[in-house]
């Protein structure tokens, strides 16, 4: 009997694809289903500056999660578990 090992890179690719397709569909289907348009921003909204004199860094990260994107993530996890 062969034991199946699941590749975490496949999960990451499926999650990313599910979130992108879900957000895309949520944006365009929000005309018919307005509840899909609700966005929830998560992350650092204001950029964080670090100036070392000779080198400067700017940090910032925001993820806009909407209802359709979450549905896409759930479908991606379901597909990963069925593979």
PDB file of N, CA and C in Angstrom:
ATOM      1  N   UNK A   1       0.842  -1.172   0.000  1.00  0.00           N
ATOM      2  CA  UNK A   1       0.000   0.000   0.000  1.00  0.00           C
ATOM      3  C   UNK A   1       0.893   1.244   0.000  1.00  0.00           C
ATOM      4  N   UNK A   2       0.624   2.139  -0.910  1.00  0.00           N
ATOM      5  CA  UNK A   2       1.429   3.347  -1.044  1.00  0.00           C
ATOM      6  C   UNK A   2       0.790   4.476  -0.247  1.00  0.00           C
ATOM      7  N   UNK A   3       1.598   5.168   0.512  1.00  0.00           N
ATOM      8  CA  UNK A   3       1.126   6.300   1.299  1.00  0.00           C
ATOM      9  C   UNK A   3       1.266   7.557   0.445  1.00  0.00           C
ATOM     10  N   UNK A   4       0.159   8.292   0.321  1.00  0.00           N
ATOM     11  CA  UNK A   4       0.184   9.524  -0.472  1.00  0.00           C
ATOM     12  C   UNK A   4       0.665  10.680   0.390  1.00  0.00           C
ATOM     13  N   UNK A   5       1.620  11.395  -0.116  1.00  0.00           N
ATOM     14  CA  UNK A   5       2.058  12.613   0.559  1.00  0.00           C
ATOM     15  C   UNK A   5       1.605  13.787  -0.282  1.00  0.00           C
ATOM     16  N   UNK A   6       1.057  14.771   0.369  1.00  0.00           N
ATOM     17  CA  UNK A   6       0.573  15.954  -0.340  1.00  0.00           C
ATOM     18  C   UNK A   6       1.651  17.032  -0.317  1.00  0.00           C
ATOM     19  N   UNK A   7       1.850  17.619  -1.463  1.00  0.00           N
ATOM     20  CA  UNK A   7       2.860  18.650  -1.618  1.00  0.00           C
ATOM     21  C   UNK A   7       2.301  19.995  -1.126  1.00  0.00           C
ATOM     22  N   UNK A   8       2.972  20.665  -0.194  1.00  0.00           N
ATOM     23  CA  UNK A   8       2.471  21.957   0.287  1.00  0.00           C
ATOM     24  C   UNK A   8       2.498  23.042  -0.789  1.00  0.00           C
ATOM     25  N   UNK A   9       3.350  22.897  -1.797  1.00  0.00           N
ATOM     26  CA  UNK A   9       3.387  23.874  -2.887  1.00  0.00           C
ATOM     27  C   UNK A   9       2.120  23.802  -3.724  1.00  0.00           C
ATOM     28  N   UNK A  10       1.567  22.603  -3.852  1.00  0.00           N
ATOM     29  CA  UNK A  10       0.302  22.456  -4.583  1.00  0.00           C
ATOM     30  C   UNK A  10      -0.809  23.158  -3.807  1.00  0.00           C
ATOM     31  N   UNK A  11      -0.805  23.003  -2.487  1.00  0.00           N
ATOM     32  CA  UNK A  11      -1.797  23.696  -1.652  1.00  0.00           C
ATOM     33  C   UNK A  11      -1.666  25.205  -1.787  1.00  0.00           C
ATOM     34  N   UNK A  12      -0.449  25.715  -1.740  1.00  0.00           N
ATOM     35  CA  UNK A  12      -0.225  27.153  -1.880  1.00  0.00           C
ATOM     36  C   UNK A  12      -0.696  27.654  -3.242  1.00  0.00           C
ATOM     37  N   UNK A  13      -0.402  26.905  -4.294  1.00  0.00           N
ATOM     38  CA  UNK A  13      -0.831  27.289  -5.636  1.00  0.00           C
ATOM     39  C   UNK A  13      -2.357  27.261  -5.753  1.00  0.00           C
ATOM     40  N   UNK A  14      -2.999  26.239  -5.191  1.00  0.00           N
ATOM     41  CA  UNK A  14      -4.454  26.164  -5.227  1.00  0.00           C
ATOM     42  C   UNK A  14      -5.094  27.292  -4.418  1.00  0.00           C
ATOM     43  N   UNK A  15      -4.538  27.611  -3.252  1.00  0.00           N
ATOM     44  CA  UNK A  15      -5.084  28.700  -2.438  1.00  0.00           C
ATOM     45  C   UNK A  15      -4.949  30.041  -3.152  1.00  0.00           C
ATOM     46  N   UNK A  16      -3.808  30.266  -3.739  1.00  0.00           N
ATOM     47  CA  UNK A  16      -3.591  31.516  -4.468  1.00  0.00           C
ATOM     48  C   UNK A  16      -4.531  31.623  -5.664  1.00  0.00           C
ATOM     49  N   UNK A  17      -4.671  30.536  -6.403  1.00  0.00           N
ATOM     50  CA  UNK A  17      -5.572  30.526  -7.555  1.00  0.00           C
ATOM     51  C   UNK A  17      -7.023  30.707  -7.119  1.00  0.00           C
ATOM     52  N   UNK A  18      -7.426  30.023  -6.052  1.00  0.00           N
ATOM     53  CA  UNK A  18      -8.796  30.155  -5.552  1.00  0.00           C
ATOM     54  C   UNK A  18      -9.111  31.563  -5.082  1.00  0.00           C
ATOM     55  N   UNK A  19      -8.155  32.195  -4.408  1.00  0.00           N
ATOM     56  CA  UNK A  19      -8.377  33.562  -3.935  1.00  0.00           C
ATOM     57  C   UNK A  19      -8.465  34.552  -5.094  1.00  0.00           C
ATOM     58  N   UNK A  20      -7.618  34.380  -6.096  1.00  0.00           N
ATOM     59  CA  UNK A  20      -7.629  35.291  -7.240  1.00  0.00           C
ATOM     60  C   UNK A  20      -8.909  35.133  -8.053  1.00  0.00           C
ATOM     61  N   UNK A  21      -9.278  33.887  -8.346  1.00  0.00           N
ATOM     62  CA  UNK A  21     -10.497  33.660  -9.119  1.00  0.00           C
ATOM     63  C   UNK A  21     -11.722  34.103  -8.329  1.00  0.00           C
ATOM     64  N   UNK A  22     -11.744  33.832  -7.021  1.00  0.00           N
ATOM     65  CA  UNK A  22     -12.864  34.270  -6.193  1.00  0.00           C
ATOM     66  C   UNK A  22     -12.991  35.777  -6.143  1.00  0.00           C
ATOM     67  N   UNK A  23     -11.884  36.479  -6.002  1.00  0.00           N
ATOM     68  CA  UNK A  23     -11.926  37.942  -5.970  1.00  0.00           C
ATOM     69  C   UNK A  23     -12.364  38.503  -7.321  1.00  0.00           C
ATOM     70  N   UNK A  24     -11.883  37.900  -8.386  1.00  0.00           N
ATOM     71  CA  UNK A  24     -12.273  38.327  -9.733  1.00  0.00           C
ATOM     72  C   UNK A  24     -13.773  38.138  -9.945  1.00  0.00           C
ATOM     73  N   UNK A  25     -14.285  36.959  -9.614  1.00  0.00           N
ATOM     74  CA  UNK A  25     -15.716  36.691  -9.771  1.00  0.00           C
ATOM     75  C   UNK A  25     -16.550  37.559  -8.834  1.00  0.00           C
ATOM     76  N   UNK A  26     -16.057  37.784  -7.620  1.00  0.00           N
ATOM     77  CA  UNK A  26     -16.774  38.645  -6.686  1.00  0.00           C
ATOM     78  C   UNK A  26     -16.889  40.069  -7.177  1.00  0.00           C
ATOM     79  N   UNK A  27     -15.846  40.543  -7.829  1.00  0.00           N
ATOM     80  CA  UNK A  27     -15.871  41.905  -8.357  1.00  0.00           C
ATOM     81  C   UNK A  27     -16.903  42.038  -9.477  1.00  0.00           C
ATOM     82  N   UNK A  28     -16.922  41.063 -10.380  1.00  0.00           N
ATOM     83  CA  UNK A  28     -17.814  41.171 -11.528  1.00  0.00           C
ATOM     84  C   UNK A  28     -19.236  40.681 -11.248  1.00  0.00           C
ATOM     85  N   UNK A  29     -19.415  39.825 -10.268  1.00  0.00           N
ATOM     86  CA  UNK A  29     -20.762  39.359  -9.936  1.00  0.00           C
ATOM     87  C   UNK A  29     -21.430  40.208  -8.859  1.00  0.00           C
ATOM     88  N   UNK A  30     -20.725  41.213  -8.353  1.00  0.00           N
ATOM     89  CA  UNK A  30     -21.301  42.059  -7.304  1.00  0.00           C
ATOM     90  C   UNK A  30     -22.448  42.913  -7.826  1.00  0.00           C
ATOM     91  N   UNK A  31     -22.576  43.055  -9.128  1.00  0.00           N
ATOM     92  CA  UNK A  31     -23.716  43.772  -9.691  1.00  0.00           C
ATOM     93  C   UNK A  31     -25.014  43.012  -9.421  1.00  0.00           C
ATOM     94  N   UNK A  32     -24.926  41.685  -9.451  1.00  0.00           N
ATOM     95  CA  UNK A  32     -26.104  40.845  -9.247  1.00  0.00           C
ATOM     96  C   UNK A  32     -26.259  40.409  -7.793  1.00  0.00           C
ATOM     97  N   UNK A  33     -25.129  40.206  -7.101  1.00  0.00           N
ATOM     98  CA  UNK A  33     -25.109  39.794  -5.702  1.00  0.00           C
ATOM     99  C   UNK A  33     -24.273  40.799  -4.905  1.00  0.00           C
ATOM    100  N   UNK A  34     -24.908  41.846  -4.352  1.00  0.00           N
ATOM    101  CA  UNK A  34     -24.135  42.919  -3.703  1.00  0.00           C
ATOM    102  C   UNK A  34     -23.335  42.479  -2.472  1.00  0.00           C
ATOM    103  N   UNK A  35     -23.728  41.381  -1.818  1.00  0.00           N
ATOM    104  CA  UNK A  35     -22.997  40.952  -0.627  1.00  0.00           C
ATOM    105  C   UNK A  35     -21.593  40.450  -0.961  1.00  0.00           C
ATOM    106  N   UNK A  36     -21.323  40.132  -2.228  1.00  0.00           N
ATOM    107  CA  UNK A  36     -19.983  39.685  -2.623  1.00  0.00           C
ATOM    108  C   UNK A  36     -18.973  40.818  -2.665  1.00  0.00           C
ATOM    109  N   UNK A  37     -19.436  42.055  -2.597  1.00  0.00           N
ATOM    110  CA  UNK A  37     -18.564  43.218  -2.739  1.00  0.00           C
ATOM    111  C   UNK A  37     -17.909  43.647  -1.422  1.00  0.00           C
ATOM    112  N   UNK A  38     -18.354  43.135  -0.300  1.00  0.00           N
ATOM    113  CA  UNK A  38     -17.807  43.558   0.993  1.00  0.00           C
ATOM    114  C   UNK A  38     -16.344  43.147   1.113  1.00  0.00           C
ATOM    115  N   UNK A  39     -15.470  44.133   1.287  1.00  0.00           N
ATOM    116  CA  UNK A  39     -14.033  43.901   1.444  1.00  0.00           C
ATOM    117  C   UNK A  39     -13.629  44.092   2.892  1.00  0.00           C
ATOM    118  N   UNK A  40     -12.663  43.291   3.321  1.00  0.00           N
ATOM    119  CA  UNK A  40     -12.105  43.400   4.654  1.00  0.00           C
ATOM    120  C   UNK A  40     -10.588  43.514   4.534  1.00  0.00           C
ATOM    121  N   UNK A  41     -10.042  44.741   4.612  1.00  0.00           N
ATOM    122  CA  UNK A  41      -8.585  44.888   4.486  1.00  0.00           C
ATOM    123  C   UNK A  41      -7.870  44.413   5.752  1.00  0.00           C
ATOM    124  N   UNK A  42      -6.828  43.616   5.548  1.00  0.00           N
ATOM    125  CA  UNK A  42      -6.019  43.100   6.649  1.00  0.00           C
ATOM    126  C   UNK A  42      -4.559  43.428   6.342  1.00  0.00           C
ATOM    127  N   UNK A  43      -3.852  44.004   7.281  1.00  0.00           N
ATOM    128  CA  UNK A  43      -2.429  44.271   7.084  1.00  0.00           C
ATOM    129  C   UNK A  43      -2.019  45.627   7.609  1.00  0.00           C
ATOM    130  N   UNK A  44      -0.890  46.099   7.145  1.00  0.00           N
ATOM    131  CA  UNK A  44      -0.333  47.398   7.529  1.00  0.00           C
ATOM    132  C   UNK A  44      -0.824  48.410   6.507  1.00  0.00           C
ATOM    133  N   UNK A  45      -1.752  49.261   6.902  1.00  0.00           N
ATOM    134  CA  UNK A  45      -2.344  50.212   5.954  1.00  0.00           C
ATOM    135  C   UNK A  45      -1.418  51.389   5.676  1.00  0.00           C
ATOM    136  N   UNK A  46      -0.732  51.859   6.671  1.00  0.00           N
ATOM    137  CA  UNK A  46       0.222  52.951   6.491  1.00  0.00           C
ATOM    138  C   UNK A  46       1.613  52.350   6.310  1.00  0.00           C
ATOM    139  N   UNK A  47       2.376  52.816   5.332  1.00  0.00           N
ATOM    140  CA  UNK A  47       3.720  52.272   5.137  1.00  0.00           C
ATOM    141  C   UNK A  47       4.634  52.572   6.325  1.00  0.00           C
ATOM    142  N   UNK A  48       5.503  51.637   6.628  1.00  0.00           N
ATOM    143  CA  UNK A  48       6.471  51.775   7.703  1.00  0.00           C
ATOM    144  C   UNK A  48       7.826  52.080   7.072  1.00  0.00           C
ATOM    145  N   UNK A  49       8.408  53.215   7.435  1.00  0.00           N
ATOM    146  CA  UNK A  49       9.678  53.655   6.856  1.00  0.00           C
ATOM    147  C   UNK A  49      10.821  53.367   7.824  1.00  0.00           C
ATOM    148  N   UNK A  50      11.914  52.857   7.287  1.00  0.00           N
ATOM    149  CA  UNK A  50      13.125  52.634   8.057  1.00  0.00           C
ATOM    150  C   UNK A  50      14.277  53.239   7.276  1.00  0.00           C
ATOM    151  N   UNK A  51      14.841  54.321   7.800  1.00  0.00           N
ATOM    152  CA  UNK A  51      15.934  55.020   7.125  1.00  0.00           C
ATOM    153  C   UNK A  51      17.205  54.808   7.933  1.00  0.00           C
ATOM    154  N   UNK A  52      18.182  54.143   7.338  1.00  0.00           N
ATOM    155  CA  UNK A  52      19.456  53.875   8.000  1.00  0.00           C
ATOM    156  C   UNK A  52      20.554  54.834   7.555  1.00  0.00           C
ATOM    157  N   UNK A  53      20.205  55.866   6.834  1.00  0.00           N
ATOM    158  CA  UNK A  53      21.191  56.836   6.364  1.00  0.00           C
ATOM    159  C   UNK A  53      21.689  56.490   4.975  1.00  0.00           C
ATOM    160  N   UNK A  54      22.232  55.313   4.814  1.00  0.00           N
ATOM    161  CA  UNK A  54      22.737  54.901   3.512  1.00  0.00           C
ATOM    162  C   UNK A  54      21.778  53.926   2.805  1.00  0.00           C
ATOM    163  N   UNK A  55      20.754  53.465   3.532  1.00  0.00           N
ATOM    164  CA  UNK A  55      19.817  52.496   2.998  1.00  0.00           C
ATOM    165  C   UNK A  55      18.446  52.757   3.597  1.00  0.00           C
ATOM    166  N   UNK A  56      17.435  52.769   2.757  1.00  0.00           N
ATOM    167  CA  UNK A  56      16.076  53.023   3.233  1.00  0.00           C
ATOM    168  C   UNK A  56      15.172  51.856   2.864  1.00  0.00           C
ATOM    169  N   UNK A  57      14.292  51.503   3.794  1.00  0.00           N
ATOM    170  CA  UNK A  57      13.310  50.450   3.566  1.00  0.00           C
ATOM    171  C   UNK A  57      11.915  51.016   3.751  1.00  0.00           C
ATOM    172  N   UNK A  58      11.000  50.532   2.941  1.00  0.00           N
ATOM    173  CA  UNK A  58       9.586  50.860   3.100  1.00  0.00           C
ATOM    174  C   UNK A  58       8.834  49.543   3.172  1.00  0.00           C
ATOM    175  N   UNK A  59       8.139  49.321   4.294  1.00  0.00           N
ATOM    176  CA  UNK A  59       7.375  48.098   4.499  1.00  0.00           C
ATOM    177  C   UNK A  59       5.889  48.413   4.430  1.00  0.00           C
ATOM    178  N   UNK A  60       5.159  47.559   3.773  1.00  0.00           N
ATOM    179  CA  UNK A  60       3.714  47.695   3.717  1.00  0.00           C
ATOM    180  C   UNK A  60       3.102  46.449   3.121  1.00  0.00           C
ATOM    181  N   UNK A  61       1.947  46.094   3.646  1.00  0.00           N
ATOM    182  CA  UNK A  61       1.291  44.880   3.174  1.00  0.00           C
ATOM    183  C   UNK A  61      -0.186  44.958   3.521  1.00  0.00           C
ATOM    184  N   UNK A  62      -1.043  44.867   2.517  1.00  0.00           N
ATOM    185  CA  UNK A  62      -2.491  44.884   2.733  1.00  0.00           C
ATOM    186  C   UNK A  62      -3.114  43.807   1.861  1.00  0.00           C
ATOM    187  N   UNK A  63      -3.963  42.996   2.454  1.00  0.00           N
ATOM    188  CA  UNK A  63      -4.722  41.987   1.736  1.00  0.00           C
ATOM    189  C   UNK A  63      -6.189  42.354   1.856  1.00  0.00           C
ATOM    190  N   UNK A  64      -6.857  42.522   0.721  1.00  0.00           N
ATOM    191  CA  UNK A  64      -8.286  42.806   0.715  1.00  0.00           C
ATOM    192  C   UNK A  64      -9.036  41.497   0.500  1.00  0.00           C
ATOM    193  N   UNK A  65      -9.658  41.020   1.547  1.00  0.00           N
ATOM    194  CA  UNK A  65     -10.400  39.767   1.479  1.00  0.00           C
ATOM    195  C   UNK A  65     -11.870  40.097   1.304  1.00  0.00           C
ATOM    196  N   UNK A  66     -12.509  39.446   0.317  1.00  0.00           N
ATOM    197  CA  UNK A  66     -13.939  39.609   0.160  1.00  0.00           C
ATOM    198  C   UNK A  66     -14.622  38.248   0.296  1.00  0.00           C
ATOM    199  N   UNK A  67     -15.937  38.259   0.299  1.00  0.00           N
ATOM    200  CA  UNK A  67     -16.705  37.041   0.533  1.00  0.00           C
ATOM    201  C   UNK A  67     -16.430  36.010  -0.560  1.00  0.00           C
ATOM    202  N   UNK A  68     -16.389  36.441  -1.810  1.00  0.00           N
ATOM    203  CA  UNK A  68     -16.143  35.514  -2.908  1.00  0.00           C
ATOM    204  C   UNK A  68     -14.727  34.937  -2.837  1.00  0.00           C
ATOM    205  N   UNK A  69     -13.751  35.718  -2.379  1.00  0.00           N
ATOM    206  CA  UNK A  69     -12.395  35.214  -2.208  1.00  0.00           C
ATOM    207  C   UNK A  69     -12.316  34.130  -1.156  1.00  0.00           C
ATOM    208  N   UNK A  70     -13.067  34.303  -0.065  1.00  0.00           N
ATOM    209  CA  UNK A  70     -13.116  33.277   0.978  1.00  0.00           C
ATOM    210  C   UNK A  70     -13.764  32.008   0.437  1.00  0.00           C
ATOM    211  N   UNK A  71     -14.825  32.161  -0.349  1.00  0.00           N
ATOM    212  CA  UNK A  71     -15.450  30.990  -0.974  1.00  0.00           C
ATOM    213  C   UNK A  71     -14.469  30.291  -1.917  1.00  0.00           C
ATOM    214  N   UNK A  72     -13.671  31.067  -2.643  1.00  0.00           N
ATOM    215  CA  UNK A  72     -12.646  30.486  -3.507  1.00  0.00           C
ATOM    216  C   UNK A  72     -11.596  29.722  -2.720  1.00  0.00           C
ATOM    217  N   UNK A  73     -11.211  30.232  -1.557  1.00  0.00           N
ATOM    218  CA  UNK A  73     -10.249  29.537  -0.702  1.00  0.00           C
ATOM    219  C   UNK A  73     -10.822  28.225  -0.182  1.00  0.00           C
ATOM    220  N   UNK A  74     -12.095  28.242   0.209  1.00  0.00           N
ATOM    221  CA  UNK A  74     -12.732  27.023   0.712  1.00  0.00           C
ATOM    222  C   UNK A  74     -12.815  25.970  -0.386  1.00  0.00           C
ATOM    223  N   UNK A  75     -13.164  26.381  -1.591  1.00  0.00           N
ATOM    224  CA  UNK A  75     -13.223  25.439  -2.713  1.00  0.00           C
ATOM    225  C   UNK A  75     -11.836  24.899  -3.032  1.00  0.00           C
ATOM    226  N   UNK A  76     -10.804  25.740  -2.943  1.00  0.00           N
ATOM    227  CA  UNK A  76      -9.432  25.293  -3.202  1.00  0.00           C
ATOM    228  C   UNK A  76      -8.988  24.255  -2.176  1.00  0.00           C
ATOM    229  N   UNK A  77      -9.328  24.451  -0.908  1.00  0.00           N
ATOM    230  CA  UNK A  77      -8.987  23.466   0.121  1.00  0.00           C
ATOM    231  C   UNK A  77      -9.722  22.159  -0.136  1.00  0.00           C
ATOM    232  N   UNK A  78     -10.988  22.245  -0.515  1.00  0.00           N
ATOM    233  CA  UNK A  78     -11.769  21.049  -0.819  1.00  0.00           C
ATOM    234  C   UNK A  78     -11.152  20.284  -1.987  1.00  0.00           C
ATOM    235  N   UNK A  79     -10.717  20.982  -3.027  1.00  0.00           N
ATOM    236  CA  UNK A  79     -10.072  20.340  -4.170  1.00  0.00           C
ATOM    237  C   UNK A  79      -8.761  19.689  -3.740  1.00  0.00           C
ATOM    238  N   UNK A  80      -7.998  20.370  -2.886  1.00  0.00           N
ATOM    239  CA  UNK A  80      -6.723  19.811  -2.418  1.00  0.00           C
ATOM    240  C   UNK A  80      -6.936  18.532  -1.632  1.00  0.00           C
ATOM    241  N   UNK A  81      -7.973  18.476  -0.818  1.00  0.00           N
ATOM    242  CA  UNK A  81      -8.222  17.272  -0.028  1.00  0.00           C
ATOM    243  C   UNK A  81      -8.744  16.122  -0.877  1.00  0.00           C
ATOM    244  N   UNK A  82      -9.344  16.436  -2.025  1.00  0.00           N
ATOM    245  CA  UNK A  82      -9.848  15.382  -2.906  1.00  0.00           C
ATOM    246  C   UNK A  82      -8.776  14.838  -3.849  1.00  0.00           C
ATOM    247  N   UNK A  83      -7.680  15.551  -4.034  1.00  0.00           N
ATOM    248  CA  UNK A  83      -6.618  15.102  -4.947  1.00  0.00           C
ATOM    249  C   UNK A  83      -5.929  13.888  -4.348  1.00  0.00           C
TER     250      UNK A  83
END
